[in-house]
């Protein structure tokens, strides 16, 4: 193990992340009562330009009127991109009027670390000026060729950054990739065309202590396609996936929740290794298979998620 270590910066349960246009207060209210672990109030792509200012006001009202934490939710706001004139007012208004109520800001289309620096500087100043005792986190969407080319540097940014998300729709557009469905597979490609990109993002996340989250699957009439995509992302190390429709929440929660048998085995691994340690052995056997320190680290990951789910109740 290297002497340079970057432990997880912030543990949050993020199996399902429901995207909700802040321009629709009814959908926001329903999201608060859903089974999603995470909800992000969208001020960006899901909101038409004429509705941007009203959506911002709606988001601020929802942050102040709804006790998201009491509902077992982490609540985030996706601000507009740094290349728009909406972004600065999103940060200023949300932070000044509800900065002690929002948990994270989701920054879209992050291309270079300086994008995060700008948002972080604004958040720092507003928190200091308002005297907030809470600390808002940042999450970054990797959804352009530039962002993926710089993903390691972005992950290394530090500061308030907690997680990276793979924004497959804009990424496909940026790469000029041929797709048939947002987040789906192109039958002309022999396998999963998103595999290499998600893997690169996940490696950057795990190297620098960030959570890794997979993005949307556009066809909400295809639950099996969604679950297949979620399983692939989970196999690569993602710990959650977006839901762009309420019907996808339960699918994400199912895929990213360790089965009870898996949790039981993880606890048995810890127990057997403790016994081996007491006997002066570094490895042990369980069900005819060798287990060692690496097995313990994998088991602990499973137990941590199971305990977070149990704590949510």
C-alpha atoms as a PDB file:
ATOM      1  CA  UNK A   1       0.000   0.000   0.000  1.00  0.00           C
ATOM      2  CA  UNK A   2       1.336   3.415  -0.938  1.00  0.00           C
ATOM      3  CA  UNK A   3       2.158   5.841   1.837  1.00  0.00           C
ATOM      4  CA  UNK A   4      -0.019   8.341  -0.074  1.00  0.00           C
ATOM      5  CA  UNK A   5      -3.637   7.646   0.828  1.00  0.00           C
ATOM      6  CA  UNK A   6      -6.840   9.533   0.036  1.00  0.00           C
ATOM      7  CA  UNK A   7      -9.632   8.215   2.269  1.00  0.00           C
ATOM      8  CA  UNK A   8     -13.259   8.707   1.286  1.00  0.00           C
ATOM      9  CA  UNK A   9     -14.026  12.391   1.771  1.00  0.00           C
ATOM     10  CA  UNK A  10     -17.703  12.011   2.625  1.00  0.00           C
ATOM     11  CA  UNK A  11     -19.828   8.886   3.012  1.00  0.00           C
ATOM     12  CA  UNK A  12     -23.367   9.357   1.730  1.00  0.00           C
ATOM     13  CA  UNK A  13     -25.927   6.767   0.695  1.00  0.00           C
ATOM     14  CA  UNK A  14     -26.405   7.413  -3.021  1.00  0.00           C
ATOM     15  CA  UNK A  15     -27.909   4.267  -4.560  1.00  0.00           C
ATOM     16  CA  UNK A  16     -30.654   6.203  -6.331  1.00  0.00           C
ATOM     17  CA  UNK A  17     -30.506   9.844  -7.375  1.00  0.00           C
ATOM     18  CA  UNK A  18     -33.781  11.284  -8.601  1.00  0.00           C
ATOM     19  CA  UNK A  19     -33.488  14.151 -11.075  1.00  0.00           C
ATOM     20  CA  UNK A  20     -36.331  16.657 -10.696  1.00  0.00           C
ATOM     21  CA  UNK A  21     -36.877  19.824 -12.759  1.00  0.00           C
ATOM     22  CA  UNK A  22     -37.189  22.670 -10.266  1.00  0.00           C
ATOM     23  CA  UNK A  23     -39.633  24.293 -12.677  1.00  0.00           C
ATOM     24  CA  UNK A  24     -42.255  21.754 -11.535  1.00  0.00           C
ATOM     25  CA  UNK A  25     -43.118  22.192  -7.811  1.00  0.00           C
ATOM     26  CA  UNK A  26     -45.510  19.234  -7.852  1.00  0.00           C
ATOM     27  CA  UNK A  27     -42.752  16.885  -8.970  1.00  0.00           C
ATOM     28  CA  UNK A  28     -40.436  18.332  -6.311  1.00  0.00           C
ATOM     29  CA  UNK A  29     -42.992  17.600  -3.575  1.00  0.00           C
ATOM     30  CA  UNK A  30     -43.431  14.043  -4.824  1.00  0.00           C
ATOM     31  CA  UNK A  31     -39.658  13.575  -4.939  1.00  0.00           C
ATOM     32  CA  UNK A  32     -39.405  14.496  -1.263  1.00  0.00           C
ATOM     33  CA  UNK A  33     -41.773  11.641  -0.404  1.00  0.00           C
ATOM     34  CA  UNK A  34     -40.137   9.114  -2.720  1.00  0.00           C
ATOM     35  CA  UNK A  35     -37.778   6.286  -1.799  1.00  0.00           C
ATOM     36  CA  UNK A  36     -34.795   7.940  -3.478  1.00  0.00           C
ATOM     37  CA  UNK A  37     -31.650   8.316  -1.394  1.00  0.00           C
ATOM     38  CA  UNK A  38     -30.710  11.512  -3.225  1.00  0.00           C
ATOM     39  CA  UNK A  39     -32.733  14.169  -4.995  1.00  0.00           C
ATOM     40  CA  UNK A  40     -31.262  16.867  -7.176  1.00  0.00           C
ATOM     41  CA  UNK A  41     -33.345  19.911  -8.042  1.00  0.00           C
ATOM     42  CA  UNK A  42     -32.403  20.691 -11.616  1.00  0.00           C
ATOM     43  CA  UNK A  43     -31.856  24.243 -12.802  1.00  0.00           C
ATOM     44  CA  UNK A  44     -29.974  23.193 -15.920  1.00  0.00           C
ATOM     45  CA  UNK A  45     -30.941  20.915 -18.813  1.00  0.00           C
ATOM     46  CA  UNK A  46     -34.469  20.032 -17.640  1.00  0.00           C
ATOM     47  CA  UNK A  47     -35.460  23.712 -17.434  1.00  0.00           C
ATOM     48  CA  UNK A  48     -36.173  25.847 -20.497  1.00  0.00           C
ATOM     49  CA  UNK A  49     -34.451  29.266 -20.604  1.00  0.00           C
ATOM     50  CA  UNK A  50     -37.664  31.277 -20.001  1.00  0.00           C
ATOM     51  CA  UNK A  51     -38.265  29.224 -16.820  1.00  0.00           C
ATOM     52  CA  UNK A  52     -34.769  29.497 -15.328  1.00  0.00           C
ATOM     53  CA  UNK A  53     -35.462  32.289 -12.842  1.00  0.00           C
ATOM     54  CA  UNK A  54     -38.729  30.815 -11.606  1.00  0.00           C
ATOM     55  CA  UNK A  55     -37.125  27.379 -11.288  1.00  0.00           C
ATOM     56  CA  UNK A  56     -34.404  28.933  -9.108  1.00  0.00           C
ATOM     57  CA  UNK A  57     -37.044  30.508  -6.870  1.00  0.00           C
ATOM     58  CA  UNK A  58     -38.907  27.194  -6.685  1.00  0.00           C
ATOM     59  CA  UNK A  59     -35.744  25.350  -5.669  1.00  0.00           C
ATOM     60  CA  UNK A  60     -35.006  27.835  -2.891  1.00  0.00           C
ATOM     61  CA  UNK A  61     -38.554  27.557  -1.583  1.00  0.00           C
ATOM     62  CA  UNK A  62     -38.399  23.753  -1.649  1.00  0.00           C
ATOM     63  CA  UNK A  63     -35.089  23.760   0.212  1.00  0.00           C
ATOM     64  CA  UNK A  64     -36.536  25.957   2.941  1.00  0.00           C
ATOM     65  CA  UNK A  65     -40.019  24.450   3.183  1.00  0.00           C
ATOM     66  CA  UNK A  66     -39.159  20.724   3.090  1.00  0.00           C
ATOM     67  CA  UNK A  67     -37.136  18.972   5.786  1.00  0.00           C
ATOM     68  CA  UNK A  68     -35.183  16.788   3.380  1.00  0.00           C
ATOM     69  CA  UNK A  69     -32.963  15.239   6.043  1.00  0.00           C
ATOM     70  CA  UNK A  70     -35.994  14.197   8.103  1.00  0.00           C
ATOM     71  CA  UNK A  71     -37.289  12.442   5.000  1.00  0.00           C
ATOM     72  CA  UNK A  72     -34.030  10.502   4.721  1.00  0.00           C
ATOM     73  CA  UNK A  73     -32.835  12.441   1.703  1.00  0.00           C
ATOM     74  CA  UNK A  74     -29.682  14.174   0.614  1.00  0.00           C
ATOM     75  CA  UNK A  75     -30.784  17.160  -1.461  1.00  0.00           C
ATOM     76  CA  UNK A  76     -28.660  18.726  -4.163  1.00  0.00           C
ATOM     77  CA  UNK A  77     -29.111  21.513  -6.694  1.00  0.00           C
ATOM     78  CA  UNK A  78     -27.735  21.200 -10.213  1.00  0.00           C
ATOM     79  CA  UNK A  79     -26.685  24.700 -11.167  1.00  0.00           C
ATOM     80  CA  UNK A  80     -26.309  25.916 -14.728  1.00  0.00           C
ATOM     81  CA  UNK A  81     -22.984  25.622 -16.529  1.00  0.00           C
ATOM     82  CA  UNK A  82     -20.144  28.058 -16.106  1.00  0.00           C
ATOM     83  CA  UNK A  83     -20.517  28.996 -19.769  1.00  0.00           C
ATOM     84  CA  UNK A  84     -23.961  30.531 -19.093  1.00  0.00           C
ATOM     85  CA  UNK A  85     -25.040  33.760 -17.406  1.00  0.00           C
ATOM     86  CA  UNK A  86     -27.417  31.809 -15.159  1.00  0.00           C
ATOM     87  CA  UNK A  87     -24.683  30.106 -13.149  1.00  0.00           C
ATOM     88  CA  UNK A  88     -23.482  32.955 -10.932  1.00  0.00           C
ATOM     89  CA  UNK A  89     -27.026  33.848  -9.875  1.00  0.00           C
ATOM     90  CA  UNK A  90     -27.809  30.179  -9.200  1.00  0.00           C
ATOM     91  CA  UNK A  91     -24.915  29.965  -6.743  1.00  0.00           C
ATOM     92  CA  UNK A  92     -25.516  33.365  -5.131  1.00  0.00           C
ATOM     93  CA  UNK A  93     -29.273  33.012  -4.682  1.00  0.00           C
ATOM     94  CA  UNK A  94     -29.307  29.370  -3.580  1.00  0.00           C
ATOM     95  CA  UNK A  95     -26.440  29.847  -1.152  1.00  0.00           C
ATOM     96  CA  UNK A  96     -27.599  33.188   0.276  1.00  0.00           C
ATOM     97  CA  UNK A  97     -31.227  32.124   0.660  1.00  0.00           C
ATOM     98  CA  UNK A  98     -30.904  28.412   1.420  1.00  0.00           C
ATOM     99  CA  UNK A  99     -27.207  27.696   1.926  1.00  0.00           C
ATOM    100  CA  UNK A 100     -27.847  26.106   5.303  1.00  0.00           C
ATOM    101  CA  UNK A 101     -30.470  23.768   3.824  1.00  0.00           C
ATOM    102  CA  UNK A 102     -28.855  22.394   0.666  1.00  0.00           C
ATOM    103  CA  UNK A 103     -26.373  19.544   1.035  1.00  0.00           C
ATOM    104  CA  UNK A 104     -24.461  19.712  -2.252  1.00  0.00           C
ATOM    105  CA  UNK A 105     -24.256  21.654  -5.488  1.00  0.00           C
ATOM    106  CA  UNK A 106     -23.928  19.583  -8.655  1.00  0.00           C
ATOM    107  CA  UNK A 107     -21.712  21.359 -11.178  1.00  0.00           C
ATOM    108  CA  UNK A 108     -22.414  20.359 -14.804  1.00  0.00           C
ATOM    109  CA  UNK A 109     -19.960  19.923 -17.654  1.00  0.00           C
ATOM    110  CA  UNK A 110     -16.843  20.313 -15.540  1.00  0.00           C
ATOM    111  CA  UNK A 111     -13.914  20.418 -17.933  1.00  0.00           C
ATOM    112  CA  UNK A 112     -10.963  21.602 -15.844  1.00  0.00           C
ATOM    113  CA  UNK A 113     -10.272  21.916 -12.087  1.00  0.00           C
ATOM    114  CA  UNK A 114     -10.601  25.706 -12.349  1.00  0.00           C
ATOM    115  CA  UNK A 115     -14.337  25.256 -12.974  1.00  0.00           C
ATOM    116  CA  UNK A 116     -14.668  23.828  -9.475  1.00  0.00           C
ATOM    117  CA  UNK A 117     -12.357  26.486  -8.064  1.00  0.00           C
ATOM    118  CA  UNK A 118     -14.710  29.209  -9.230  1.00  0.00           C
ATOM    119  CA  UNK A 119     -17.772  27.620  -7.632  1.00  0.00           C
ATOM    120  CA  UNK A 120     -15.875  26.776  -4.456  1.00  0.00           C
ATOM    121  CA  UNK A 121     -14.612  30.346  -4.060  1.00  0.00           C
ATOM    122  CA  UNK A 122     -18.150  31.692  -4.344  1.00  0.00           C
ATOM    123  CA  UNK A 123     -19.531  29.139  -1.876  1.00  0.00           C
ATOM    124  CA  UNK A 124     -16.725  29.843   0.590  1.00  0.00           C
ATOM    125  CA  UNK A 125     -17.373  33.574   0.544  1.00  0.00           C
ATOM    126  CA  UNK A 126     -21.135  33.259   0.917  1.00  0.00           C
ATOM    127  CA  UNK A 127     -20.880  30.780   3.796  1.00  0.00           C
ATOM    128  CA  UNK A 128     -18.466  33.096   5.584  1.00  0.00           C
ATOM    129  CA  UNK A 129     -20.574  36.168   4.874  1.00  0.00           C
ATOM    130  CA  UNK A 130     -23.788  34.515   6.067  1.00  0.00           C
ATOM    131  CA  UNK A 131     -22.157  32.847   9.059  1.00  0.00           C
ATOM    132  CA  UNK A 132     -23.449  29.382   8.128  1.00  0.00           C
ATOM    133  CA  UNK A 133     -22.276  26.563  10.363  1.00  0.00           C
ATOM    134  CA  UNK A 134     -23.070  23.944   7.708  1.00  0.00           C
ATOM    135  CA  UNK A 135     -20.724  23.078   4.838  1.00  0.00           C
ATOM    136  CA  UNK A 136     -22.103  22.544   1.345  1.00  0.00           C
ATOM    137  CA  UNK A 137     -20.359  19.888  -0.718  1.00  0.00           C
ATOM    138  CA  UNK A 138     -19.647  19.958  -4.450  1.00  0.00           C
ATOM    139  CA  UNK A 139     -20.228  17.206  -7.000  1.00  0.00           C
ATOM    140  CA  UNK A 140     -18.998  17.309 -10.582  1.00  0.00           C
ATOM    141  CA  UNK A 141     -20.558  16.009 -13.755  1.00  0.00           C
ATOM    142  CA  UNK A 142     -18.063  14.464 -16.155  1.00  0.00           C
ATOM    143  CA  UNK A 143     -19.975  14.763 -19.415  1.00  0.00           C
ATOM    144  CA  UNK A 144     -17.618  16.189 -22.014  1.00  0.00           C
ATOM    145  CA  UNK A 145     -14.519  14.959 -23.791  1.00  0.00           C
ATOM    146  CA  UNK A 146     -12.557  17.719 -22.030  1.00  0.00           C
ATOM    147  CA  UNK A 147     -13.828  16.620 -18.632  1.00  0.00           C
ATOM    148  CA  UNK A 148     -12.888  13.006 -19.253  1.00  0.00           C
ATOM    149  CA  UNK A 149      -9.471  14.019 -20.589  1.00  0.00           C
ATOM    150  CA  UNK A 150      -8.898  15.882 -17.303  1.00  0.00           C
ATOM    151  CA  UNK A 151     -10.824  13.591 -14.961  1.00  0.00           C
ATOM    152  CA  UNK A 152      -7.811  12.699 -12.813  1.00  0.00           C
ATOM    153  CA  UNK A 153      -6.939  16.365 -12.258  1.00  0.00           C
ATOM    154  CA  UNK A 154     -10.573  17.153 -11.488  1.00  0.00           C
ATOM    155  CA  UNK A 155     -10.754  14.317  -8.945  1.00  0.00           C
ATOM    156  CA  UNK A 156      -7.512  15.580  -7.397  1.00  0.00           C
ATOM    157  CA  UNK A 157      -9.033  19.035  -6.844  1.00  0.00           C
ATOM    158  CA  UNK A 158      -9.890  18.407  -3.182  1.00  0.00           C
ATOM    159  CA  UNK A 159     -11.756  21.140  -1.340  1.00  0.00           C
ATOM    160  CA  UNK A 160     -15.472  20.486  -1.109  1.00  0.00           C
ATOM    161  CA  UNK A 161     -15.565  17.946  -3.942  1.00  0.00           C
ATOM    162  CA  UNK A 162     -17.300  14.715  -2.881  1.00  0.00           C
ATOM    163  CA  UNK A 163     -18.360  12.837  -6.010  1.00  0.00           C
ATOM    164  CA  UNK A 164     -18.126  12.531  -9.779  1.00  0.00           C
ATOM    165  CA  UNK A 165     -21.092  11.622 -11.980  1.00  0.00           C
ATOM    166  CA  UNK A 166     -20.964  10.188 -15.482  1.00  0.00           C
ATOM    167  CA  UNK A 167     -23.277  12.297 -17.670  1.00  0.00           C
ATOM    168  CA  UNK A 168     -23.695   9.946 -20.577  1.00  0.00           C
ATOM    169  CA  UNK A 169     -26.025  12.055 -22.756  1.00  0.00           C
ATOM    170  CA  UNK A 170     -23.862  15.147 -23.104  1.00  0.00           C
ATOM    171  CA  UNK A 171     -20.784  12.929 -23.139  1.00  0.00           C
ATOM    172  CA  UNK A 172     -22.139  11.067 -26.161  1.00  0.00           C
ATOM    173  CA  UNK A 173     -22.814  14.385 -27.889  1.00  0.00           C
ATOM    174  CA  UNK A 174     -19.349  15.688 -27.029  1.00  0.00           C
ATOM    175  CA  UNK A 175     -17.742  12.497 -28.337  1.00  0.00           C
ATOM    176  CA  UNK A 176     -20.038  12.423 -31.383  1.00  0.00           C
ATOM    177  CA  UNK A 177     -20.867   8.868 -30.413  1.00  0.00           C
ATOM    178  CA  UNK A 178     -23.759   7.154 -32.123  1.00  0.00           C
ATOM    179  CA  UNK A 179     -26.374   6.100 -29.594  1.00  0.00           C
ATOM    180  CA  UNK A 180     -29.903   4.744 -29.764  1.00  0.00           C
ATOM    181  CA  UNK A 181     -30.982   5.623 -26.220  1.00  0.00           C
ATOM    182  CA  UNK A 182     -29.488   7.789 -23.478  1.00  0.00           C
ATOM    183  CA  UNK A 183     -27.267   5.431 -21.487  1.00  0.00           C
ATOM    184  CA  UNK A 184     -28.198   2.437 -23.601  1.00  0.00           C
ATOM    185  CA  UNK A 185     -26.002   0.230 -25.738  1.00  0.00           C
ATOM    186  CA  UNK A 186     -25.451   0.644 -29.460  1.00  0.00           C
ATOM    187  CA  UNK A 187     -26.001  -2.746 -31.137  1.00  0.00           C
ATOM    188  CA  UNK A 188     -23.258  -1.906 -33.631  1.00  0.00           C
ATOM    189  CA  UNK A 189     -20.675  -1.909 -30.832  1.00  0.00           C
ATOM    190  CA  UNK A 190     -19.448  -5.324 -29.613  1.00  0.00           C
ATOM    191  CA  UNK A 191     -20.064  -4.774 -25.907  1.00  0.00           C
ATOM    192  CA  UNK A 192     -20.543  -1.729 -23.682  1.00  0.00           C
ATOM    193  CA  UNK A 193     -19.245   1.436 -25.330  1.00  0.00           C
ATOM    194  CA  UNK A 194     -19.345   3.299 -21.979  1.00  0.00           C
ATOM    195  CA  UNK A 195     -17.160   0.764 -20.164  1.00  0.00           C
ATOM    196  CA  UNK A 196     -13.803   2.484 -20.672  1.00  0.00           C
ATOM    197  CA  UNK A 197     -15.100   5.933 -19.754  1.00  0.00           C
ATOM    198  CA  UNK A 198     -16.917   4.845 -16.600  1.00  0.00           C
ATOM    199  CA  UNK A 199     -13.892   2.806 -15.549  1.00  0.00           C
ATOM    200  CA  UNK A 200     -11.605   5.803 -15.978  1.00  0.00           C
ATOM    201  CA  UNK A 201     -13.919   7.993 -13.908  1.00  0.00           C
ATOM    202  CA  UNK A 202     -14.274   5.369 -11.169  1.00  0.00           C
ATOM    203  CA  UNK A 203     -10.500   4.888 -10.946  1.00  0.00           C
ATOM    204  CA  UNK A 204     -10.087   8.656 -10.509  1.00  0.00           C
ATOM    205  CA  UNK A 205     -12.790   8.682  -7.831  1.00  0.00           C
ATOM    206  CA  UNK A 206     -11.332   5.817  -5.821  1.00  0.00           C
ATOM    207  CA  UNK A 207      -7.790   7.147  -6.115  1.00  0.00           C
ATOM    208  CA  UNK A 208      -8.786  10.468  -4.572  1.00  0.00           C
ATOM    209  CA  UNK A 209     -11.549   9.536  -2.127  1.00  0.00           C
ATOM    210  CA  UNK A 210     -14.657  10.417  -4.124  1.00  0.00           C
ATOM    211  CA  UNK A 211     -17.983   8.678  -4.624  1.00  0.00           C
ATOM    212  CA  UNK A 212     -18.680   7.465  -8.183  1.00  0.00           C
ATOM    213  CA  UNK A 213     -22.215   7.734  -9.574  1.00  0.00           C
ATOM    214  CA  UNK A 214     -23.579   6.588 -12.923  1.00  0.00           C
ATOM    215  CA  UNK A 215     -25.891   8.888 -14.850  1.00  0.00           C
ATOM    216  CA  UNK A 216     -29.217   8.525 -16.649  1.00  0.00           C
ATOM    217  CA  UNK A 217     -30.897   5.805 -18.666  1.00  0.00           C
ATOM    218  CA  UNK A 218     -33.369   7.472 -20.972  1.00  0.00           C
ATOM    219  CA  UNK A 219     -35.893   4.745 -21.744  1.00  0.00           C
ATOM    220  CA  UNK A 220     -37.956   4.558 -18.558  1.00  0.00           C
ATOM    221  CA  UNK A 221     -40.275   2.067 -20.284  1.00  0.00           C
ATOM    222  CA  UNK A 222     -37.405  -0.472 -20.260  1.00  0.00           C
ATOM    223  CA  UNK A 223     -36.775  -1.466 -16.619  1.00  0.00           C
ATOM    224  CA  UNK A 224     -34.584  -4.426 -17.568  1.00  0.00           C
ATOM    225  CA  UNK A 225     -32.386  -2.214 -19.723  1.00  0.00           C
ATOM    226  CA  UNK A 226     -32.028   0.164 -16.781  1.00  0.00           C
ATOM    227  CA  UNK A 227     -31.116  -2.663 -14.412  1.00  0.00           C
ATOM    228  CA  UNK A 228     -28.599  -4.066 -16.882  1.00  0.00           C
ATOM    229  CA  UNK A 229     -26.914  -0.662 -17.071  1.00  0.00           C
ATOM    230  CA  UNK A 230     -26.977  -0.297 -13.299  1.00  0.00           C
ATOM    231  CA  UNK A 231     -25.439  -3.752 -12.838  1.00  0.00           C
ATOM    232  CA  UNK A 232     -22.633  -2.919 -15.259  1.00  0.00           C
ATOM    233  CA  UNK A 233     -21.947   0.335 -13.408  1.00  0.00           C
ATOM    234  CA  UNK A 234     -22.010  -1.444 -10.044  1.00  0.00           C
ATOM    235  CA  UNK A 235     -19.595  -4.080 -11.317  1.00  0.00           C
ATOM    236  CA  UNK A 236     -17.162  -1.298 -12.258  1.00  0.00           C
ATOM    237  CA  UNK A 237     -17.385   0.346  -8.834  1.00  0.00           C
ATOM    238  CA  UNK A 238     -20.183   2.917  -9.060  1.00  0.00           C
ATOM    239  CA  UNK A 239     -22.295   3.128  -5.931  1.00  0.00           C
ATOM    240  CA  UNK A 240     -25.447   4.557  -7.438  1.00  0.00           C
ATOM    241  CA  UNK A 241     -27.288   5.687 -10.549  1.00  0.00           C
ATOM    242  CA  UNK A 242     -29.602   8.488 -11.576  1.00  0.00           C
ATOM    243  CA  UNK A 243     -33.331   7.993 -11.881  1.00  0.00           C
ATOM    244  CA  UNK A 244     -34.990  10.289 -14.397  1.00  0.00           C
ATOM    245  CA  UNK A 245     -38.408   8.780 -13.630  1.00  0.00           C
ATOM    246  CA  UNK A 246     -39.825   7.664 -10.260  1.00  0.00           C
ATOM    247  CA  UNK A 247     -40.199   4.110 -11.582  1.00  0.00           C
ATOM    248  CA  UNK A 248     -36.395   3.838 -11.757  1.00  0.00           C
ATOM    249  CA  UNK A 249     -35.840   4.558  -8.042  1.00  0.00           C
ATOM    250  CA  UNK A 250     -36.703   1.066  -6.837  1.00  0.00           C
ATOM    251  CA  UNK A 251     -34.582  -0.455  -9.609  1.00  0.00           C
ATOM    252  CA  UNK A 252     -31.505   1.510  -8.522  1.00  0.00           C
ATOM    253  CA  UNK A 253     -32.095   0.751  -4.849  1.00  0.00           C
ATOM    254  CA  UNK A 254     -32.360  -2.939  -5.671  1.00  0.00           C
ATOM    255  CA  UNK A 255     -29.203  -3.151  -7.766  1.00  0.00           C
ATOM    256  CA  UNK A 256     -27.004  -1.069  -5.467  1.00  0.00           C
ATOM    257  CA  UNK A 257     -28.167  -2.691  -2.212  1.00  0.00           C
ATOM    258  CA  UNK A 258     -26.060  -5.701  -1.201  1.00  0.00           C
ATOM    259  CA  UNK A 259     -28.233  -8.837  -0.862  1.00  0.00           C
ATOM    260  CA  UNK A 260     -28.652 -10.166   2.673  1.00  0.00           C
ATOM    261  CA  UNK A 261     -26.634 -13.271   1.802  1.00  0.00           C
ATOM    262  CA  UNK A 262     -23.774 -11.056   0.643  1.00  0.00           C
ATOM    263  CA  UNK A 263     -23.885  -9.021   3.868  1.00  0.00           C
ATOM    264  CA  UNK A 264     -23.936 -12.204   5.962  1.00  0.00           C
ATOM    265  CA  UNK A 265     -20.915 -13.558   4.112  1.00  0.00           C
ATOM    266  CA  UNK A 266     -19.093 -10.245   4.549  1.00  0.00           C
ATOM    267  CA  UNK A 267     -19.617 -10.435   8.309  1.00  0.00           C
ATOM    268  CA  UNK A 268     -18.411 -14.047   8.323  1.00  0.00           C
ATOM    269  CA  UNK A 269     -15.249 -12.993   6.475  1.00  0.00           C
ATOM    270  CA  UNK A 270     -14.491 -10.441   9.181  1.00  0.00           C
ATOM    271  CA  UNK A 271     -15.142 -13.012  11.923  1.00  0.00           C
ATOM    272  CA  UNK A 272     -12.950 -15.694  10.358  1.00  0.00           C
ATOM    273  CA  UNK A 273     -10.086 -13.275   9.804  1.00  0.00           C
ATOM    274  CA  UNK A 274     -10.289 -12.103  13.420  1.00  0.00           C
ATOM    275  CA  UNK A 275      -9.992 -15.739  14.505  1.00  0.00           C
ATOM    276  CA  UNK A 276      -7.026 -16.278  12.179  1.00  0.00           C
ATOM    277  CA  UNK A 277      -5.373 -13.125  13.493  1.00  0.00           C
ATOM    278  CA  UNK A 278      -5.717 -14.362  17.065  1.00  0.00           C
ATOM    279  CA  UNK A 279      -3.932 -17.539  15.989  1.00  0.00           C
ATOM    280  CA  UNK A 280      -1.119 -15.616  14.288  1.00  0.00           C
ATOM    281  CA  UNK A 281      -2.312 -16.242  10.716  1.00  0.00           C
ATOM    282  CA  UNK A 282      -2.849 -13.566   8.079  1.00  0.00           C
ATOM    283  CA  UNK A 283      -5.176 -15.636   5.896  1.00  0.00           C
ATOM    284  CA  UNK A 284      -8.042 -18.042   6.479  1.00  0.00           C
ATOM    285  CA  UNK A 285     -10.494 -20.211   4.571  1.00  0.00           C
ATOM    286  CA  UNK A 286     -14.238 -19.730   4.241  1.00  0.00           C
ATOM    287  CA  UNK A 287     -16.485 -22.131   2.345  1.00  0.00           C
ATOM    288  CA  UNK A 288     -13.460 -23.669   0.654  1.00  0.00           C
ATOM    289  CA  UNK A 289     -12.023 -20.342  -0.526  1.00  0.00           C
ATOM    290  CA  UNK A 290      -9.038 -18.400   0.732  1.00  0.00           C
ATOM    291  CA  UNK A 291      -9.688 -15.029   2.360  1.00  0.00           C
ATOM    292  CA  UNK A 292      -7.109 -12.434   3.415  1.00  0.00           C
ATOM    293  CA  UNK A 293      -6.688  -8.722   4.085  1.00  0.00           C
ATOM    294  CA  UNK A 294      -8.014  -7.796   0.635  1.00  0.00           C
ATOM    295  CA  UNK A 295     -11.100  -9.910   1.335  1.00  0.00           C
ATOM    296  CA  UNK A 296     -11.622  -7.945   4.528  1.00  0.00           C
ATOM    297  CA  UNK A 297     -11.484  -4.621   2.717  1.00  0.00           C
ATOM    298  CA  UNK A 298     -14.057  -5.806   0.173  1.00  0.00           C
ATOM    299  CA  UNK A 299     -16.247  -7.170   2.961  1.00  0.00           C
ATOM    300  CA  UNK A 300     -16.060  -3.909   4.871  1.00  0.00           C
ATOM    301  CA  UNK A 301     -17.279  -2.005   1.807  1.00  0.00           C
ATOM    302  CA  UNK A 302     -20.386  -4.185   1.751  1.00  0.00           C
ATOM    303  CA  UNK A 303     -20.994  -3.815   5.476  1.00  0.00           C
ATOM    304  CA  UNK A 304     -20.643  -0.027   5.295  1.00  0.00           C
ATOM    305  CA  UNK A 305     -23.366   0.197   2.644  1.00  0.00           C
ATOM    306  CA  UNK A 306     -25.625  -2.210   4.546  1.00  0.00           C
ATOM    307  CA  UNK A 307     -25.256  -0.172   7.720  1.00  0.00           C
ATOM    308  CA  UNK A 308     -26.040   3.063   5.860  1.00  0.00           C
ATOM    309  CA  UNK A 309     -29.201   1.492   4.434  1.00  0.00           C
ATOM    310  CA  UNK A 310     -30.221   0.251   7.880  1.00  0.00           C
ATOM    311  CA  UNK A 311     -29.584   3.682   9.391  1.00  0.00           C
ATOM    312  CA  UNK A 312     -31.869   5.256   6.800  1.00  0.00           C
ATOM    313  CA  UNK A 313     -34.583   2.973   8.140  1.00  0.00           C
END
